[in-house]
Protein backbone atom coordinates (compact mmCIF):
# COMPACT_ATOMS: atom_id res chain seq x y z
CA MET A 1 -149.35 -121.48 -62.56
CA ARG A 2 -150.85 -124.64 -62.43
CA ALA A 3 -152.18 -126.13 -59.32
CA SER A 4 -150.61 -130.06 -57.73
CA VAL A 5 -152.79 -132.47 -57.22
CA PRO A 6 -152.17 -134.24 -54.06
CA ALA A 7 -150.44 -137.72 -53.95
CA SER A 8 -153.21 -139.48 -52.10
CA LEU A 9 -155.67 -138.24 -54.99
CA SER A 10 -155.47 -141.16 -57.88
CA LEU A 11 -156.80 -141.11 -61.20
CA ALA A 12 -159.78 -143.57 -60.58
CA SER A 13 -160.59 -140.71 -57.74
CA LEU A 14 -160.14 -137.53 -60.20
CA LEU A 15 -162.64 -139.32 -62.55
CA VAL A 16 -165.19 -139.84 -60.41
CA ILE A 17 -164.66 -136.68 -59.51
CA SER A 18 -164.89 -135.10 -62.83
CA ALA A 19 -168.08 -137.12 -63.12
CA SER A 20 -169.95 -136.21 -60.18
CA GLN A 21 -169.24 -132.24 -61.60
CA LEU A 22 -170.80 -133.60 -64.50
CA ILE A 23 -173.92 -134.94 -63.54
CA ALA A 24 -174.64 -131.84 -60.85
CA GLN A 25 -174.20 -129.84 -63.82
CA ARG A 26 -176.43 -131.63 -65.92
CA ARG A 27 -178.94 -132.03 -62.98
CA ALA A 28 -178.37 -128.07 -62.58
CA ALA A 29 -178.97 -127.09 -66.41
CA PRO A 30 -181.29 -129.52 -67.92
CA ALA A 31 -181.21 -130.21 -71.55
CA ASN A 32 -184.63 -128.28 -72.14
CA ASP A 33 -182.62 -125.62 -70.08
CA PRO A 34 -184.87 -122.45 -69.89
CA LEU A 35 -183.41 -120.00 -68.19
CA PRO A 36 -181.91 -117.65 -70.51
CA ASP A 37 -177.94 -116.85 -71.32
CA GLY A 38 -176.51 -113.73 -69.48
CA PRO A 39 -173.43 -112.89 -67.20
CA GLN A 40 -175.25 -113.99 -63.72
CA LYS A 41 -176.32 -117.33 -65.41
CA ALA A 42 -173.79 -119.20 -64.14
CA THR A 43 -174.28 -118.05 -60.26
CA VAL A 44 -177.60 -118.97 -60.64
CA LEU A 45 -177.24 -122.42 -61.54
CA LYS A 46 -174.21 -122.57 -58.47
CA LEU A 47 -176.63 -121.32 -56.10
CA CYS A 48 -179.98 -123.23 -56.52
CA GLY A 49 -179.06 -125.99 -58.63
CA THR A 50 -177.66 -128.13 -55.53
CA CYS A 51 -180.95 -128.03 -54.12
CA HIS A 52 -183.16 -128.51 -56.94
CA ASN A 53 -183.98 -127.97 -60.84
CA VAL A 54 -183.30 -124.30 -61.16
CA GLY A 55 -185.85 -124.79 -64.20
CA ILE A 56 -188.90 -124.28 -61.15
CA VAL A 57 -188.38 -119.91 -61.79
CA ALA A 58 -189.46 -120.58 -65.15
CA GLY A 59 -192.65 -118.95 -65.93
CA LYS A 60 -192.43 -116.74 -62.78
CA ALA A 61 -193.55 -113.13 -62.98
CA LEU A 62 -192.19 -111.37 -59.46
CA THR A 63 -190.92 -108.00 -59.31
CA ARG A 64 -187.06 -107.15 -57.85
CA GLU A 65 -188.87 -106.98 -54.10
CA GLN A 66 -190.37 -110.40 -54.45
CA TRP A 67 -187.46 -112.28 -55.94
CA GLY A 68 -185.30 -110.64 -53.07
CA GLU A 69 -187.84 -112.61 -50.92
CA VAL A 70 -186.65 -115.33 -52.30
CA ILE A 71 -183.55 -114.97 -52.67
CA ALA A 72 -184.01 -114.64 -48.52
CA SER A 73 -185.78 -117.52 -48.15
CA MET A 74 -183.56 -119.76 -49.71
CA ILE A 75 -180.66 -117.88 -47.34
CA GLY A 76 -182.73 -119.05 -44.25
CA ARG A 77 -182.82 -122.52 -45.90
CA GLY A 78 -178.84 -123.11 -46.21
CA ALA A 79 -178.08 -121.62 -49.41
CA LYS A 80 -174.51 -121.03 -49.49
CA GLY A 81 -173.03 -118.18 -51.14
CA THR A 82 -171.38 -114.47 -50.91
CA ASP A 83 -173.55 -111.01 -50.44
CA ALA A 84 -171.99 -110.13 -54.04
CA GLU A 85 -173.16 -113.73 -55.56
CA PHE A 86 -176.92 -113.21 -54.09
CA ALA A 87 -176.98 -109.67 -55.33
CA GLN A 88 -176.19 -111.08 -59.18
CA ALA A 89 -178.68 -113.49 -58.64
CA THR A 90 -181.50 -111.24 -57.78
CA ASP A 91 -180.14 -108.96 -60.68
CA TYR A 92 -180.62 -111.93 -63.05
CA LEU A 93 -184.21 -113.34 -61.84
CA THR A 94 -185.43 -109.74 -62.28
CA LYS A 95 -183.87 -108.84 -65.72
CA ASN A 96 -185.31 -111.99 -67.25
CA PHE A 97 -188.90 -112.74 -65.15
CA PRO A 98 -189.97 -109.55 -64.19
CA PRO A 99 -194.02 -108.93 -63.63
CA LYS A 100 -196.28 -109.57 -66.52
CA PRO A 101 -197.49 -106.29 -68.23
CA ALA A 102 -201.20 -105.44 -67.31
CA GLY A 103 -203.68 -107.37 -68.44
CA ALA A 104 -202.18 -110.71 -68.89
CA ALA A 105 -203.04 -113.63 -67.28
CA ALA A 106 -201.59 -114.33 -63.80
CA ALA A 107 -200.97 -117.87 -62.43
CA PRO A 108 -203.66 -118.88 -59.81
CA ALA A 109 -202.20 -117.85 -56.34
CA ARG A 110 -202.48 -121.72 -54.04
CA ARG A 111 -202.66 -122.57 -50.60
CA GLY A 112 -199.85 -125.04 -49.03
CA GLY A 113 -197.47 -125.14 -51.35
CA GLY A 114 -199.81 -125.87 -54.23
CA GLY A 115 -197.99 -123.32 -56.53
CA GLY A 116 -195.38 -120.96 -57.25
CA PHE A 117 -192.64 -120.05 -54.12
CA SER A 118 -196.10 -119.40 -51.75
CA MET A 119 -195.68 -121.02 -48.47
CA GLY A 120 -198.11 -123.22 -46.66
CA ALA A 121 -198.42 -126.09 -44.20
CA ASP A 122 -195.40 -127.98 -45.69
CA ASP A 123 -193.36 -125.64 -45.47
CA LYS A 124 -193.21 -124.51 -41.84
CA GLN A 125 -190.30 -122.18 -40.68
CA ILE A 126 -187.61 -124.41 -38.94
CA VAL A 127 -186.86 -122.46 -35.58
CA ASP A 128 -182.66 -121.97 -35.07
CA ALA A 129 -182.06 -121.45 -31.93
CA ASP A 130 -178.85 -119.42 -32.29
CA ALA A 131 -180.96 -117.06 -34.63
CA ALA A 132 -183.34 -117.03 -32.39
CA THR A 133 -181.24 -115.59 -29.43
CA ARG A 134 -179.84 -112.53 -31.59
CA GLY A 135 -183.40 -111.94 -32.80
CA LYS A 136 -184.31 -111.99 -28.88
CA THR A 137 -181.58 -109.07 -28.45
CA ILE A 138 -183.03 -106.79 -31.62
CA TYR A 139 -186.49 -107.16 -29.77
CA VAL A 140 -185.77 -106.00 -26.31
CA THR A 141 -183.59 -103.01 -28.29
CA ASP A 142 -186.26 -102.47 -30.68
CA CYS A 143 -189.46 -103.73 -29.93
CA VAL A 144 -190.58 -104.76 -26.42
CA THR A 145 -191.85 -101.23 -25.24
CA CYS A 146 -194.95 -101.00 -27.47
CA HIS A 147 -194.78 -105.32 -28.21
CA GLY A 148 -194.19 -106.96 -24.49
CA PRO A 149 -192.00 -108.95 -23.32
CA LEU A 150 -193.56 -112.33 -25.12
CA ALA A 151 -194.76 -110.52 -28.37
CA ARG A 152 -198.20 -110.17 -27.30
CA GLY A 153 -198.52 -106.51 -26.82
CA PRO A 154 -197.72 -104.32 -24.10
CA SER A 155 -197.92 -105.49 -20.32
CA GLY A 156 -198.29 -101.88 -18.40
CA PRO A 157 -199.71 -98.63 -19.66
CA LEU A 158 -198.65 -97.25 -22.77
CA PRO A 159 -200.19 -93.95 -24.49
CA GLU A 160 -202.91 -95.33 -27.33
CA ASN A 161 -200.78 -94.48 -30.84
CA GLN A 162 -197.82 -96.21 -29.05
CA LYS A 163 -199.45 -100.04 -28.31
CA GLY A 164 -198.22 -102.67 -30.33
CA SER A 165 -200.30 -105.89 -31.59
CA ASP A 166 -199.97 -109.43 -30.50
CA LEU A 167 -197.29 -110.49 -32.67
CA VAL A 168 -198.20 -114.24 -31.95
CA ARG A 169 -201.56 -113.33 -33.91
CA SER A 170 -200.11 -111.25 -36.64
CA LEU A 171 -200.66 -112.26 -39.79
CA VAL A 172 -197.50 -110.98 -40.73
CA VAL A 173 -195.82 -112.70 -38.51
CA LEU A 174 -197.73 -115.93 -39.27
CA HIS A 175 -196.89 -115.99 -42.91
CA ASP A 176 -193.57 -115.11 -42.65
CA ARG A 177 -190.75 -117.61 -43.49
CA TYR A 178 -187.29 -116.64 -42.27
CA GLY A 179 -188.11 -113.32 -43.45
CA SER A 180 -190.40 -113.32 -46.22
CA THR A 181 -193.43 -111.28 -45.00
CA LEU A 182 -191.27 -109.48 -42.44
CA GLY A 183 -188.18 -108.24 -44.80
CA PRO A 184 -191.18 -105.78 -46.93
CA PHE A 185 -192.84 -104.99 -43.57
CA PHE A 186 -189.54 -103.56 -42.30
CA HIS A 187 -188.23 -101.76 -45.50
CA LYS A 188 -191.74 -99.76 -45.55
CA GLY A 189 -189.94 -98.30 -42.67
CA HIS A 190 -191.84 -98.52 -39.51
CA PRO A 191 -190.89 -97.07 -36.31
CA MET A 192 -188.48 -98.36 -33.55
CA GLN A 193 -188.09 -97.69 -29.58
CA SER A 194 -184.56 -96.95 -30.17
CA GLY A 195 -185.70 -94.11 -33.08
CA ALA A 196 -184.42 -95.69 -35.64
CA SER A 197 -186.20 -96.80 -38.99
CA SER A 198 -187.04 -100.67 -39.10
CA SER A 199 -185.57 -99.87 -43.31
CA GLY A 200 -182.27 -99.76 -41.85
CA LEU A 201 -182.38 -103.65 -40.45
CA THR A 202 -180.06 -106.19 -42.49
CA GLY A 203 -181.19 -108.96 -44.30
CA ALA A 204 -179.37 -110.85 -41.59
CA GLN A 205 -180.98 -109.09 -38.33
CA VAL A 206 -184.94 -109.74 -40.56
CA ALA A 207 -183.69 -113.34 -40.37
CA ASP A 208 -182.92 -113.39 -36.80
CA LEU A 209 -186.32 -111.63 -35.46
CA SER A 210 -188.26 -113.61 -37.47
CA HIS A 211 -186.60 -116.95 -35.69
CA PHE A 212 -187.21 -115.03 -32.72
CA LEU A 213 -190.90 -114.57 -33.47
CA HIS A 214 -191.02 -117.46 -34.56
CA GLN A 215 -190.07 -119.35 -31.40
CA ARG A 216 -192.32 -117.26 -29.37
CA VAL A 217 -195.42 -118.55 -31.68
CA ASN A 218 -194.72 -122.22 -30.96
CA ASP A 219 -193.93 -121.50 -27.19
CA THR A 220 -197.60 -120.01 -26.51
CA LEU A 221 -199.46 -122.93 -28.69
CA ARG A 222 -197.27 -125.41 -26.76
CA GLY A 223 -197.04 -123.94 -23.05
CA GLY A 224 -200.26 -121.47 -23.08
CA ALA A 225 -203.65 -121.57 -22.86
CA TYR A 226 -203.68 -123.28 -26.39
CA SER A 227 -202.25 -126.51 -25.30
CA LYS A 228 -205.72 -126.93 -23.21
CA ILE A 229 -209.31 -127.59 -23.91
CA LEU A 230 -211.29 -125.00 -22.49
CA ASN A 231 -215.03 -124.01 -22.72
CA VAL A 232 -215.29 -122.93 -26.00
CA VAL A 233 -219.30 -122.17 -25.59
CA THR A 234 -219.03 -118.78 -24.99
CA GLY A 235 -220.33 -116.44 -27.79
CA ASP A 236 -223.68 -115.26 -28.80
CA VAL A 237 -225.76 -117.58 -30.47
CA LYS A 238 -227.86 -115.04 -32.12
CA ALA A 239 -225.48 -113.29 -33.29
CA GLY A 240 -223.26 -116.52 -34.76
CA GLU A 241 -226.44 -117.29 -36.61
CA ALA A 242 -226.77 -114.20 -38.35
CA TYR A 243 -223.11 -114.76 -39.11
CA PHE A 244 -223.85 -117.75 -40.16
CA ASN A 245 -227.05 -116.98 -42.60
CA GLY A 246 -224.86 -113.24 -43.53
CA ASP A 247 -221.32 -112.54 -43.71
CA GLY A 248 -219.63 -115.67 -43.18
CA LYS A 249 -221.58 -117.36 -45.99
CA CYS A 250 -221.62 -120.70 -44.04
CA SER A 251 -225.34 -121.23 -45.08
CA THR A 252 -224.11 -121.38 -48.98
CA CYS A 253 -222.86 -124.63 -48.57
CA HIS A 254 -224.42 -126.15 -45.06
CA SER A 255 -227.47 -126.44 -43.55
CA PRO A 256 -228.89 -126.68 -40.35
CA SER A 257 -231.75 -128.58 -41.09
CA GLY A 258 -229.70 -130.85 -43.80
CA ASP A 259 -225.45 -131.62 -43.23
CA LEU A 260 -225.43 -130.11 -39.84
CA ALA A 261 -228.69 -131.32 -38.24
CA GLY A 262 -227.80 -132.88 -34.80
CA VAL A 263 -224.49 -131.93 -34.92
CA ALA A 264 -224.20 -131.09 -31.86
CA THR A 265 -225.34 -134.42 -30.72
CA LYS A 266 -222.58 -136.29 -32.73
CA TYR A 267 -219.68 -133.85 -31.15
CA ASP A 268 -218.30 -132.25 -28.62
CA PRO A 269 -217.99 -127.99 -28.03
CA PRO A 270 -214.24 -128.38 -28.51
CA THR A 271 -214.51 -131.12 -31.81
CA LEU A 272 -217.23 -128.73 -33.12
CA GLN A 273 -214.72 -126.01 -32.92
CA THR A 274 -212.31 -127.88 -34.69
CA LYS A 275 -213.93 -128.85 -37.11
CA PHE A 276 -215.80 -125.65 -38.44
CA LEU A 277 -212.01 -123.75 -37.90
CA PHE A 278 -209.97 -127.32 -39.40
CA PRO A 279 -212.31 -129.40 -40.95
CA GLU A 280 -209.84 -131.23 -42.17
CA THR A 281 -208.77 -132.51 -38.87
CA ALA A 282 -209.85 -135.52 -37.05
CA ALA A 283 -210.03 -133.12 -34.18
CA PHE A 284 -210.89 -134.76 -30.47
CA GLY A 285 -214.10 -137.11 -31.02
CA GLY A 286 -217.89 -137.26 -30.47
CA ARG A 287 -220.11 -136.96 -27.31
CA GLY A 288 -220.49 -140.28 -25.65
CA ARG A 289 -218.02 -143.13 -25.45
CA GLY A 290 -217.17 -144.52 -28.68
CA ALA A 291 -218.45 -141.79 -30.97
CA ALA A 292 -216.85 -141.63 -34.64
CA PRO A 293 -214.53 -139.26 -35.10
CA PRO A 294 -215.62 -136.84 -37.84
CA ALA A 295 -215.19 -137.90 -41.63
CA THR A 296 -212.70 -136.04 -43.54
CA LYS A 297 -212.54 -135.23 -47.53
CA PRO A 298 -209.60 -136.02 -49.27
CA THR A 299 -207.55 -133.26 -51.38
CA MET A 300 -207.50 -134.82 -55.07
CA LEU A 301 -205.25 -133.93 -57.39
CA THR A 302 -204.51 -134.21 -61.55
CA VAL A 303 -201.11 -134.13 -62.51
CA THR A 304 -200.47 -134.05 -66.62
CA PRO A 305 -196.56 -134.22 -67.79
CA PRO A 306 -195.97 -132.65 -70.39
CA ASN A 307 -195.59 -135.71 -73.03
CA GLY A 308 -198.13 -137.97 -70.83
CA SER A 309 -201.38 -138.38 -69.96
CA PRO A 310 -203.33 -137.00 -66.93
CA VAL A 311 -203.24 -138.93 -63.45
CA THR A 312 -205.72 -138.55 -60.77
CA GLY A 313 -205.57 -139.22 -56.94
CA LYS A 314 -205.47 -138.51 -53.11
CA LEU A 315 -202.58 -135.65 -52.50
CA GLU A 316 -199.55 -137.40 -50.48
CA LYS A 317 -197.59 -134.39 -50.58
CA ILE A 318 -197.09 -130.96 -52.87
CA ASP A 319 -194.14 -128.36 -52.36
CA ASP A 320 -192.51 -125.94 -54.89
CA PHE A 321 -189.99 -128.56 -55.95
CA ASN A 322 -192.15 -132.08 -55.81
CA VAL A 323 -195.41 -133.22 -55.93
CA SER A 324 -196.82 -136.74 -54.92
CA LEU A 325 -200.22 -138.92 -55.50
CA ARG A 326 -202.22 -142.23 -54.94
CA ASP A 327 -204.21 -143.13 -57.61
CA SER A 328 -207.89 -145.22 -57.03
CA SER A 329 -205.78 -148.23 -57.17
CA GLY A 330 -203.91 -147.25 -54.57
CA ASP A 331 -200.32 -146.82 -56.87
CA TYR A 332 -198.22 -144.53 -55.64
CA HIS A 333 -196.67 -141.30 -58.05
CA ALA A 334 -194.12 -138.74 -57.78
CA TRP A 335 -192.99 -136.03 -59.68
CA LYS A 336 -190.56 -133.44 -59.52
CA ARG A 337 -192.38 -129.53 -60.15
CA THR A 338 -191.33 -128.37 -63.70
CA PRO A 339 -192.89 -125.18 -65.82
CA ASP A 340 -194.53 -127.80 -68.14
CA LEU A 341 -195.87 -130.18 -65.34
CA LYS A 342 -199.99 -128.94 -65.10
CA VAL A 343 -201.05 -129.77 -60.87
CA GLU A 344 -204.58 -129.10 -60.98
CA LYS A 345 -205.51 -129.54 -57.32
CA ASN A 346 -209.16 -129.49 -55.59
CA ASP A 347 -209.51 -128.66 -52.51
CA PRO A 348 -212.63 -129.38 -50.33
CA TYR A 349 -211.87 -127.10 -47.94
CA ALA A 350 -210.41 -124.11 -49.54
CA VAL A 351 -213.22 -121.93 -48.57
CA HIS A 352 -212.11 -122.97 -44.53
CA HIS A 353 -208.46 -121.88 -45.51
CA ALA A 354 -209.20 -118.99 -46.50
CA LEU A 355 -211.52 -117.49 -43.97
CA LEU A 356 -209.10 -118.27 -41.47
CA ASP A 357 -207.52 -114.58 -42.24
CA GLU A 358 -211.38 -113.28 -42.08
CA TYR A 359 -212.38 -114.34 -38.66
CA THR A 360 -212.80 -112.59 -35.64
CA ASP A 361 -212.19 -113.84 -31.89
CA LYS A 362 -215.61 -112.95 -32.17
CA ASN A 363 -217.11 -114.87 -35.31
CA MET A 364 -215.12 -117.73 -34.29
CA HIS A 365 -217.51 -118.44 -30.71
CA ASP A 366 -220.73 -116.81 -31.63
CA VAL A 367 -220.58 -119.85 -34.37
CA VAL A 368 -219.12 -122.30 -32.32
CA ALA A 369 -222.25 -121.28 -29.75
CA TYR A 370 -224.89 -120.99 -32.50
CA LEU A 371 -223.48 -124.75 -33.78
CA GLU A 372 -223.77 -125.59 -29.94
CA THR A 373 -227.60 -125.50 -30.59
CA LEU A 374 -228.09 -127.75 -33.92
CA LYS A 375 -229.64 -131.03 -31.75
């Protein structure tokens, strides 16, 4: 049976629709299509090609679990498809882009969306209120006894083996985007208060929990003590000096008699703490009226197109799909991320970023107390 065409659609309209479909297909599968042929290829083009060039997956080397995380992230961002189609896409990607053999060179991991499917500051999760409400129901049923009503830990006395962690400060939660790290964690099996194992949670339930926990993080930062400037000089000066010259390795780049000489006379304690933890941030200002804000160094990029010359400049924006910079003349340049586009990132604060996952609260307060003595 041949489908009928509504009378309201003219020949010109049909031609426009056909042209639009052809353009979409060409965008999804470029002329130098890097995706191998296979029975699920059309499904991958359908699911992924509507938002970005699917050539972005070329050169990736991930396990089935990791490809599942990528698909889950796409679903969280609004990708449309059936469960069967997403399963087909996972099968195709796992088969055609598996992990590299032992000893093979791997692409370096980058922070802040600098490469691959890594998450960073430009990829902040947007909390869906309805999903967070559903996630709260799951949390109350299976998590609240150990982790507390605010996800900050239990509020009452519990046996030591039942005391849950502070999820607002959990690296698993803070690194998570739409279930990307919570999913693998739950898949390993985590006891829940209902007696069930977390491995039985569905992808949708994990995503809902992710939205609820990110809502808790946001609410804590917005309404808790973190939103107010407190007395931050509470650490041990001697311990801070020892950490500065020892485990923290701060002295490998900084010197109390060099670049940090008199730093405590320039900036107040909150600014010292902020610049120590997040040096690229302007922070609050200096001591005294009219003091200049701390200077920051730009992140530099060098982008080399497949058939062009390198372009170097200050980072404007970078994520998994696009990259842009402004060169020394002030001209703006932008590219779509493709496997053959080479991007080199020089972040002057990369070491500070990496250490954020390693500092303890005591380390932070001790170092600030030590910096406050450098007058």
